[in-house]
Amino acid sequence: MQLQVARIGKPHGIRGEVTVQVLTDAPGDRFVPGTKFIVEPASAGPLTVFSARWNKDILLLAFDEIETRNEAEGLRGAKLFIETEDIGADDDDEGWYEHELVGLEVRVGGSVVGKVSALHTLPVQDLLVVTTAEGTEVLIPFVEQIVPEVNVGEKYVLVTPPPGLFEVNTDEAPEQQKPEAQVASAGDLDEQGNA
């Protein structure tokens, strides 16, 4: 089976480097020089890592097969895969991959609140992207305290969010809700006062 580990972005500089969206929680192991990737579309590969370096939070890769910015531009949007047989036994403890999580139900208590739509792998902490039934995207820190259970077999993740986590990205900002609540309260007091 093939496992996607990155998606190529725009070129960087004139020597064929590209930015990549990292889709693995072990970039230090996946992007070492000499690593050969299966590429989708197949016409763009295979690609062999020549060098890998970080520019702030962005991973830059250079490949043996790519020498110019124009060639790098032709890779934009390509997906990089490895064979899962290449993954060692030690990798079992490193966490989850995006393809394992996308589509899983997100449960809070006994209620389904949405589905996992993506996994953002970041240097400090991964984030689950959850799309709620209303279509709102919510970012959830992918840490054991907030996501204590991932059950791929039963197709769900259990989330114990801190108060307000799912309200952060709603369409109505709290500032828009407060004046209406205050007006309603004032109206209630006027009616009580007149009674």
C-alpha atoms as a PDB file:
ATOM      1  CA  MET A   1       0.000   0.000   0.000  1.00  0.00           C
ATOM      2  CA  GLN A   2       1.147   3.536  -0.741  1.00  0.00           C
ATOM      3  CA  LEU A   3       1.087   6.255   1.899  1.00  0.00           C
ATOM      4  CA  GLN A   4       1.026   9.950   1.000  1.00  0.00           C
ATOM      5  CA  VAL A   5       3.638  11.920   2.955  1.00  0.00           C
ATOM      6  CA  ALA A   6       3.599  15.317   1.205  1.00  0.00           C
ATOM      7  CA  ARG A   7       2.014  17.561  -1.398  1.00  0.00           C
ATOM      8  CA  ILE A   8       4.290  19.807  -3.461  1.00  0.00           C
ATOM      9  CA  GLY A   9       3.623  23.539  -3.452  1.00  0.00           C
ATOM     10  CA  LYS A  10       5.266  26.414  -5.263  1.00  0.00           C
ATOM     11  CA  PRO A  11       8.915  26.647  -6.354  1.00  0.00           C
ATOM     12  CA  HIS A  12      11.427  28.329  -4.060  1.00  0.00           C
ATOM     13  CA  GLY A  13      14.387  30.125  -5.600  1.00  0.00           C
ATOM     14  CA  ILE A  14      15.925  29.315  -8.983  1.00  0.00           C
ATOM     15  CA  ARG A  15      17.685  26.006  -8.298  1.00  0.00           C
ATOM     16  CA  GLY A  16      14.645  23.713  -8.391  1.00  0.00           C
ATOM     17  CA  GLU A  17      13.673  23.682  -4.709  1.00  0.00           C
ATOM     18  CA  VAL A  18       9.979  23.371  -3.866  1.00  0.00           C
ATOM     19  CA  THR A  19       7.862  24.021  -0.801  1.00  0.00           C
ATOM     20  CA  VAL A  20       5.894  21.039   0.457  1.00  0.00           C
ATOM     21  CA  GLN A  21       2.877  20.510   2.668  1.00  0.00           C
ATOM     22  CA  VAL A  22       4.040  17.839   5.099  1.00  0.00           C
ATOM     23  CA  LEU A  23       1.497  15.058   5.683  1.00  0.00           C
ATOM     24  CA  THR A  24       3.561  12.883   8.015  1.00  0.00           C
ATOM     25  CA  ASP A  25       4.378  13.227  11.691  1.00  0.00           C
ATOM     26  CA  ALA A  26       7.969  12.076  11.091  1.00  0.00           C
ATOM     27  CA  PRO A  27       9.416  14.508   8.514  1.00  0.00           C
ATOM     28  CA  GLY A  28      12.932  13.964   9.850  1.00  0.00           C
ATOM     29  CA  ASP A  29      12.700  10.314   8.814  1.00  0.00           C
ATOM     30  CA  ARG A  30      10.721  10.682   5.581  1.00  0.00           C
ATOM     31  CA  PHE A  31      12.695  13.377   3.743  1.00  0.00           C
ATOM     32  CA  VAL A  32      16.314  12.312   4.136  1.00  0.00           C
ATOM     33  CA  PRO A  33      18.608  12.608   1.082  1.00  0.00           C
ATOM     34  CA  GLY A  34      18.399   9.531  -1.100  1.00  0.00           C
ATOM     35  CA  THR A  35      14.742   8.800  -0.301  1.00  0.00           C
ATOM     36  CA  LYS A  36      12.831   7.911  -3.469  1.00  0.00           C
ATOM     37  CA  PHE A  37       9.164   8.883  -3.758  1.00  0.00           C
ATOM     38  CA  ILE A  38       6.382   7.534  -5.927  1.00  0.00           C
ATOM     39  CA  VAL A  39       4.699  10.572  -7.482  1.00  0.00           C
ATOM     40  CA  GLU A  40       1.133  11.260  -8.543  1.00  0.00           C
ATOM     41  CA  PRO A  41       0.845  12.053 -11.411  1.00  0.00           C
ATOM     42  CA  ALA A  42       3.282   9.305 -12.399  1.00  0.00           C
ATOM     43  CA  SER A  43       4.648  11.454 -15.250  1.00  0.00           C
ATOM     44  CA  ALA A  44       6.282  13.732 -12.623  1.00  0.00           C
ATOM     45  CA  GLY A  45       8.278  10.977 -10.943  1.00  0.00           C
ATOM     46  CA  PRO A  46       9.811   9.107  -9.392  1.00  0.00           C
ATOM     47  CA  LEU A  47      11.668  11.762  -7.389  1.00  0.00           C
ATOM     48  CA  THR A  48      14.746  11.308  -5.208  1.00  0.00           C
ATOM     49  CA  VAL A  49      15.459  13.718  -2.338  1.00  0.00           C
ATOM     50  CA  PHE A  50      18.693  15.654  -2.847  1.00  0.00           C
ATOM     51  CA  SER A  51      18.269  17.943   0.170  1.00  0.00           C
ATOM     52  CA  ALA A  52      15.682  18.932   2.763  1.00  0.00           C
ATOM     53  CA  ARG A  53      15.719  22.044   4.932  1.00  0.00           C
ATOM     54  CA  TRP A  54      13.297  24.118   6.963  1.00  0.00           C
ATOM     55  CA  ASN A  55      12.630  27.779   6.231  1.00  0.00           C
ATOM     56  CA  LYS A  56      10.706  28.845   9.354  1.00  0.00           C
ATOM     57  CA  ASP A  57       7.735  26.419   9.346  1.00  0.00           C
ATOM     58  CA  ILE A  58       8.001  25.478   5.654  1.00  0.00           C
ATOM     59  CA  LEU A  59       9.873  22.415   4.437  1.00  0.00           C
ATOM     60  CA  LEU A  60      11.914  22.947   1.270  1.00  0.00           C
ATOM     61  CA  LEU A  61      12.935  19.948  -0.820  1.00  0.00           C
ATOM     62  CA  ALA A  62      15.357  19.620  -3.715  1.00  0.00           C
ATOM     63  CA  PHE A  63      15.349  16.539  -5.932  1.00  0.00           C
ATOM     64  CA  ASP A  64      18.094  14.888  -7.973  1.00  0.00           C
ATOM     65  CA  GLU A  65      15.830  15.002 -11.024  1.00  0.00           C
ATOM     66  CA  ILE A  66      14.863  18.705 -10.788  1.00  0.00           C
ATOM     67  CA  GLU A  67      17.433  21.443 -11.496  1.00  0.00           C
ATOM     68  CA  THR A  68      15.520  24.583 -12.537  1.00  0.00           C
ATOM     69  CA  ARG A  69      12.634  26.702 -11.312  1.00  0.00           C
ATOM     70  CA  ASN A  70      10.647  25.864 -14.466  1.00  0.00           C
ATOM     71  CA  GLU A  71      10.991  22.141 -13.776  1.00  0.00           C
ATOM     72  CA  ALA A  72       9.977  22.763 -10.151  1.00  0.00           C
ATOM     73  CA  GLU A  73       6.908  24.700 -11.322  1.00  0.00           C
ATOM     74  CA  GLY A  74       5.812  21.595 -13.221  1.00  0.00           C
ATOM     75  CA  LEU A  75       5.649  19.680  -9.921  1.00  0.00           C
ATOM     76  CA  ARG A  76       3.129  22.019  -8.282  1.00  0.00           C
ATOM     77  CA  GLY A  77       0.269  20.005  -6.773  1.00  0.00           C
ATOM     78  CA  ALA A  78       2.032  16.640  -7.180  1.00  0.00           C
ATOM     79  CA  LYS A  79       1.644  14.152  -4.335  1.00  0.00           C
ATOM     80  CA  LEU A  80       4.572  12.240  -2.838  1.00  0.00           C
ATOM     81  CA  PHE A  81       4.054   8.665  -1.665  1.00  0.00           C
ATOM     82  CA  ILE A  82       6.113   5.951  -0.020  1.00  0.00           C
ATOM     83  CA  GLU A  83       5.400   2.231   0.124  1.00  0.00           C
ATOM     84  CA  THR A  84       4.132   1.300   3.579  1.00  0.00           C
ATOM     85  CA  GLU A  85       6.422  -1.733   3.483  1.00  0.00           C
ATOM     86  CA  ASP A  86       9.249   0.821   3.780  1.00  0.00           C
ATOM     87  CA  ILE A  87       7.938   1.941   7.166  1.00  0.00           C
ATOM     88  CA  GLY A  88       9.737   0.286  10.061  1.00  0.00           C
ATOM     89  CA  ALA A  89       8.063  -1.296  13.076  1.00  0.00           C
ATOM     90  CA  ASP A  90       9.110   1.665  15.234  1.00  0.00           C
ATOM     91  CA  ASP A  91       6.750   3.899  13.281  1.00  0.00           C
ATOM     92  CA  ASP A  92       3.705   2.224  14.829  1.00  0.00           C
ATOM     93  CA  ASP A  93       4.049   4.441  17.889  1.00  0.00           C
ATOM     94  CA  GLU A  94       4.425   7.705  16.012  1.00  0.00           C
ATOM     95  CA  GLY A  95       0.737   8.488  15.601  1.00  0.00           C
ATOM     96  CA  TRP A  96      -1.882   8.638  12.908  1.00  0.00           C
ATOM     97  CA  TYR A  97      -1.823   9.518   9.233  1.00  0.00           C
ATOM     98  CA  GLU A  98      -4.314  11.802   7.539  1.00  0.00           C
ATOM     99  CA  HIS A  99      -5.763   9.062   5.324  1.00  0.00           C
ATOM    100  CA  GLU A 100      -6.586   7.011   8.452  1.00  0.00           C
ATOM    101  CA  LEU A 101      -8.499   9.873  10.088  1.00  0.00           C
ATOM    102  CA  VAL A 102     -10.372  11.657   7.293  1.00  0.00           C
ATOM    103  CA  GLY A 103     -14.037  10.660   7.264  1.00  0.00           C
ATOM    104  CA  LEU A 104     -14.157   9.430  10.870  1.00  0.00           C
ATOM    105  CA  GLU A 105     -17.115  10.612  12.944  1.00  0.00           C
ATOM    106  CA  VAL A 106     -16.269  13.067  15.705  1.00  0.00           C
ATOM    107  CA  ARG A 107     -18.145  12.273  18.902  1.00  0.00           C
ATOM    108  CA  VAL A 108     -18.542  14.405  22.002  1.00  0.00           C
ATOM    109  CA  GLY A 109     -20.122  12.263  24.697  1.00  0.00           C
ATOM    110  CA  GLY A 110     -22.735  10.220  22.862  1.00  0.00           C
ATOM    111  CA  SER A 111     -23.394  12.795  20.125  1.00  0.00           C
ATOM    112  CA  VAL A 112     -21.883  13.007  16.659  1.00  0.00           C
ATOM    113  CA  VAL A 113     -20.793  16.626  16.086  1.00  0.00           C
ATOM    114  CA  GLY A 114     -19.087  16.295  12.696  1.00  0.00           C
ATOM    115  CA  LYS A 115     -16.450  14.453  10.695  1.00  0.00           C
ATOM    116  CA  VAL A 116     -12.684  14.713  10.415  1.00  0.00           C
ATOM    117  CA  SER A 117     -11.907  16.471   7.122  1.00  0.00           C
ATOM    118  CA  ALA A 118      -8.114  16.906   7.404  1.00  0.00           C
ATOM    119  CA  LEU A 119      -5.054  16.644   9.628  1.00  0.00           C
ATOM    120  CA  HIS A 120      -2.632  19.565   9.817  1.00  0.00           C
ATOM    121  CA  THR A 121       0.793  18.253  10.835  1.00  0.00           C
ATOM    122  CA  LEU A 122       2.740  21.052  12.506  1.00  0.00           C
ATOM    123  CA  PRO A 123       6.142  21.119  14.222  1.00  0.00           C
ATOM    124  CA  VAL A 124       4.708  21.825  17.675  1.00  0.00           C
ATOM    125  CA  GLN A 125       1.266  20.196  17.679  1.00  0.00           C
ATOM    126  CA  ASP A 126      -0.999  18.538  15.114  1.00  0.00           C
ATOM    127  CA  LEU A 127      -4.515  19.839  14.498  1.00  0.00           C
ATOM    128  CA  LEU A 128      -7.589  17.869  13.476  1.00  0.00           C
ATOM    129  CA  VAL A 129      -9.856  19.746  11.089  1.00  0.00           C
ATOM    130  CA  VAL A 130     -13.470  18.873  11.906  1.00  0.00           C
ATOM    131  CA  THR A 131     -16.358  19.818   9.629  1.00  0.00           C
ATOM    132  CA  THR A 132     -19.558  20.116  11.666  1.00  0.00           C
ATOM    133  CA  ALA A 133     -23.042  19.227  10.428  1.00  0.00           C
ATOM    134  CA  GLU A 134     -23.580  22.947   9.745  1.00  0.00           C
ATOM    135  CA  GLY A 135     -20.503  23.014   7.487  1.00  0.00           C
ATOM    136  CA  THR A 136     -18.297  24.974   9.907  1.00  0.00           C
ATOM    137  CA  GLU A 137     -14.639  23.961  10.168  1.00  0.00           C
ATOM    138  CA  VAL A 138     -13.226  23.675  13.684  1.00  0.00           C
ATOM    139  CA  LEU A 139      -9.539  23.135  14.494  1.00  0.00           C
ATOM    140  CA  ILE A 140      -8.972  20.736  17.388  1.00  0.00           C
ATOM    141  CA  PRO A 141      -5.560  20.222  19.011  1.00  0.00           C
ATOM    142  CA  PHE A 142      -4.702  16.565  18.364  1.00  0.00           C
ATOM    143  CA  VAL A 143      -3.504  15.799  21.887  1.00  0.00           C
ATOM    144  CA  GLU A 144      -4.527  12.971  24.184  1.00  0.00           C
ATOM    145  CA  GLN A 145      -6.241  15.266  26.696  1.00  0.00           C
ATOM    146  CA  ILE A 146      -8.684  16.542  24.020  1.00  0.00           C
ATOM    147  CA  VAL A 147      -8.776  13.503  21.675  1.00  0.00           C
ATOM    148  CA  PRO A 148      -8.487  10.560  24.098  1.00  0.00           C
ATOM    149  CA  GLU A 149      -9.670   7.884  21.660  1.00  0.00           C
ATOM    150  CA  VAL A 150      -9.210   7.160  17.957  1.00  0.00           C
ATOM    151  CA  ASN A 151     -11.109   4.075  16.836  1.00  0.00           C
ATOM    152  CA  VAL A 152     -10.439   3.420  13.154  1.00  0.00           C
ATOM    153  CA  GLY A 153     -12.265   0.080  13.267  1.00  0.00           C
ATOM    154  CA  GLU A 154     -15.490   1.683  14.524  1.00  0.00           C
ATOM    155  CA  LYS A 155     -14.817   4.816  12.413  1.00  0.00           C
ATOM    156  CA  TYR A 156     -14.903   7.495  15.101  1.00  0.00           C
ATOM    157  CA  VAL A 157     -12.769   9.739  17.269  1.00  0.00           C
ATOM    158  CA  LEU A 158     -13.830  10.723  20.760  1.00  0.00           C
ATOM    159  CA  VAL A 159     -13.292  14.375  21.633  1.00  0.00           C
ATOM    160  CA  THR A 160     -13.468  15.983  25.079  1.00  0.00           C
ATOM    161  CA  PRO A 161     -13.294  19.667  24.100  1.00  0.00           C
ATOM    162  CA  PRO A 162     -12.729  22.482  26.556  1.00  0.00           C
ATOM    163  CA  PRO A 163     -15.724  24.833  26.900  1.00  0.00           C
ATOM    164  CA  GLY A 164     -16.282  27.000  23.821  1.00  0.00           C
ATOM    165  CA  LEU A 165     -13.963  25.087  21.452  1.00  0.00           C
ATOM    166  CA  PHE A 166     -16.719  24.341  18.930  1.00  0.00           C
ATOM    167  CA  GLU A 167     -18.172  27.874  19.173  1.00  0.00           C
ATOM    168  CA  VAL A 168     -14.919  29.631  18.234  1.00  0.00           C
ATOM    169  CA  ASN A 169     -15.459  29.328  14.469  1.00  0.00           C
ATOM    170  CA  THR A 170     -19.219  29.782  14.253  1.00  0.00           C
ATOM    171  CA  ASP A 171     -20.646  32.281  11.757  1.00  0.00           C
ATOM    172  CA  GLU A 172     -22.120  34.476  14.498  1.00  0.00           C
ATOM    173  CA  ALA A 173     -19.475  36.197  16.580  1.00  0.00           C
ATOM    174  CA  PRO A 174     -20.198  36.552  20.302  1.00  0.00           C
ATOM    175  CA  GLU A 175     -20.177  40.348  19.884  1.00  0.00           C
ATOM    176  CA  GLN A 176     -23.125  40.058  17.488  1.00  0.00           C
ATOM    177  CA  GLN A 177     -25.087  37.901  19.916  1.00  0.00           C
ATOM    178  CA  LYS A 178     -24.619  40.011  23.057  1.00  0.00           C
ATOM    179  CA  PRO A 179     -26.504  43.179  21.992  1.00  0.00           C
ATOM    180  CA  GLU A 180     -29.546  41.094  20.967  1.00  0.00           C
ATOM    181  CA  ALA A 181     -29.481  39.332  24.320  1.00  0.00           C
ATOM    182  CA  GLN A 182     -29.236  42.657  26.121  1.00  0.00           C
ATOM    183  CA  VAL A 183     -32.164  44.094  24.150  1.00  0.00           C
ATOM    184  CA  ALA A 184     -34.254  41.021  24.937  1.00  0.00           C
ATOM    185  CA  SER A 185     -33.368  41.324  28.615  1.00  0.00           C
ATOM    186  CA  ALA A 186     -34.226  45.019  28.659  1.00  0.00           C
ATOM    187  CA  GLY A 187     -37.565  44.253  26.967  1.00  0.00           C
ATOM    188  CA  ASP A 188     -38.313  41.620  29.573  1.00  0.00           C
ATOM    189  CA  LEU A 189     -37.580  44.097  32.373  1.00  0.00           C
ATOM    190  CA  ASP A 190     -39.845  46.745  30.743  1.00  0.00           C
ATOM    191  CA  GLU A 191     -42.692  44.235  30.479  1.00  0.00           C
ATOM    192  CA  GLN A 192     -42.185  43.214  34.101  1.00  0.00           C
ATOM    193  CA  GLY A 193     -42.060  46.857  35.149  1.00  0.00           C
ATOM    194  CA  ASN A 194     -45.321  47.679  33.305  1.00  0.00           C
ATOM    195  CA  ALA A 195     -47.148  44.630  34.672  1.00  0.00           C
END
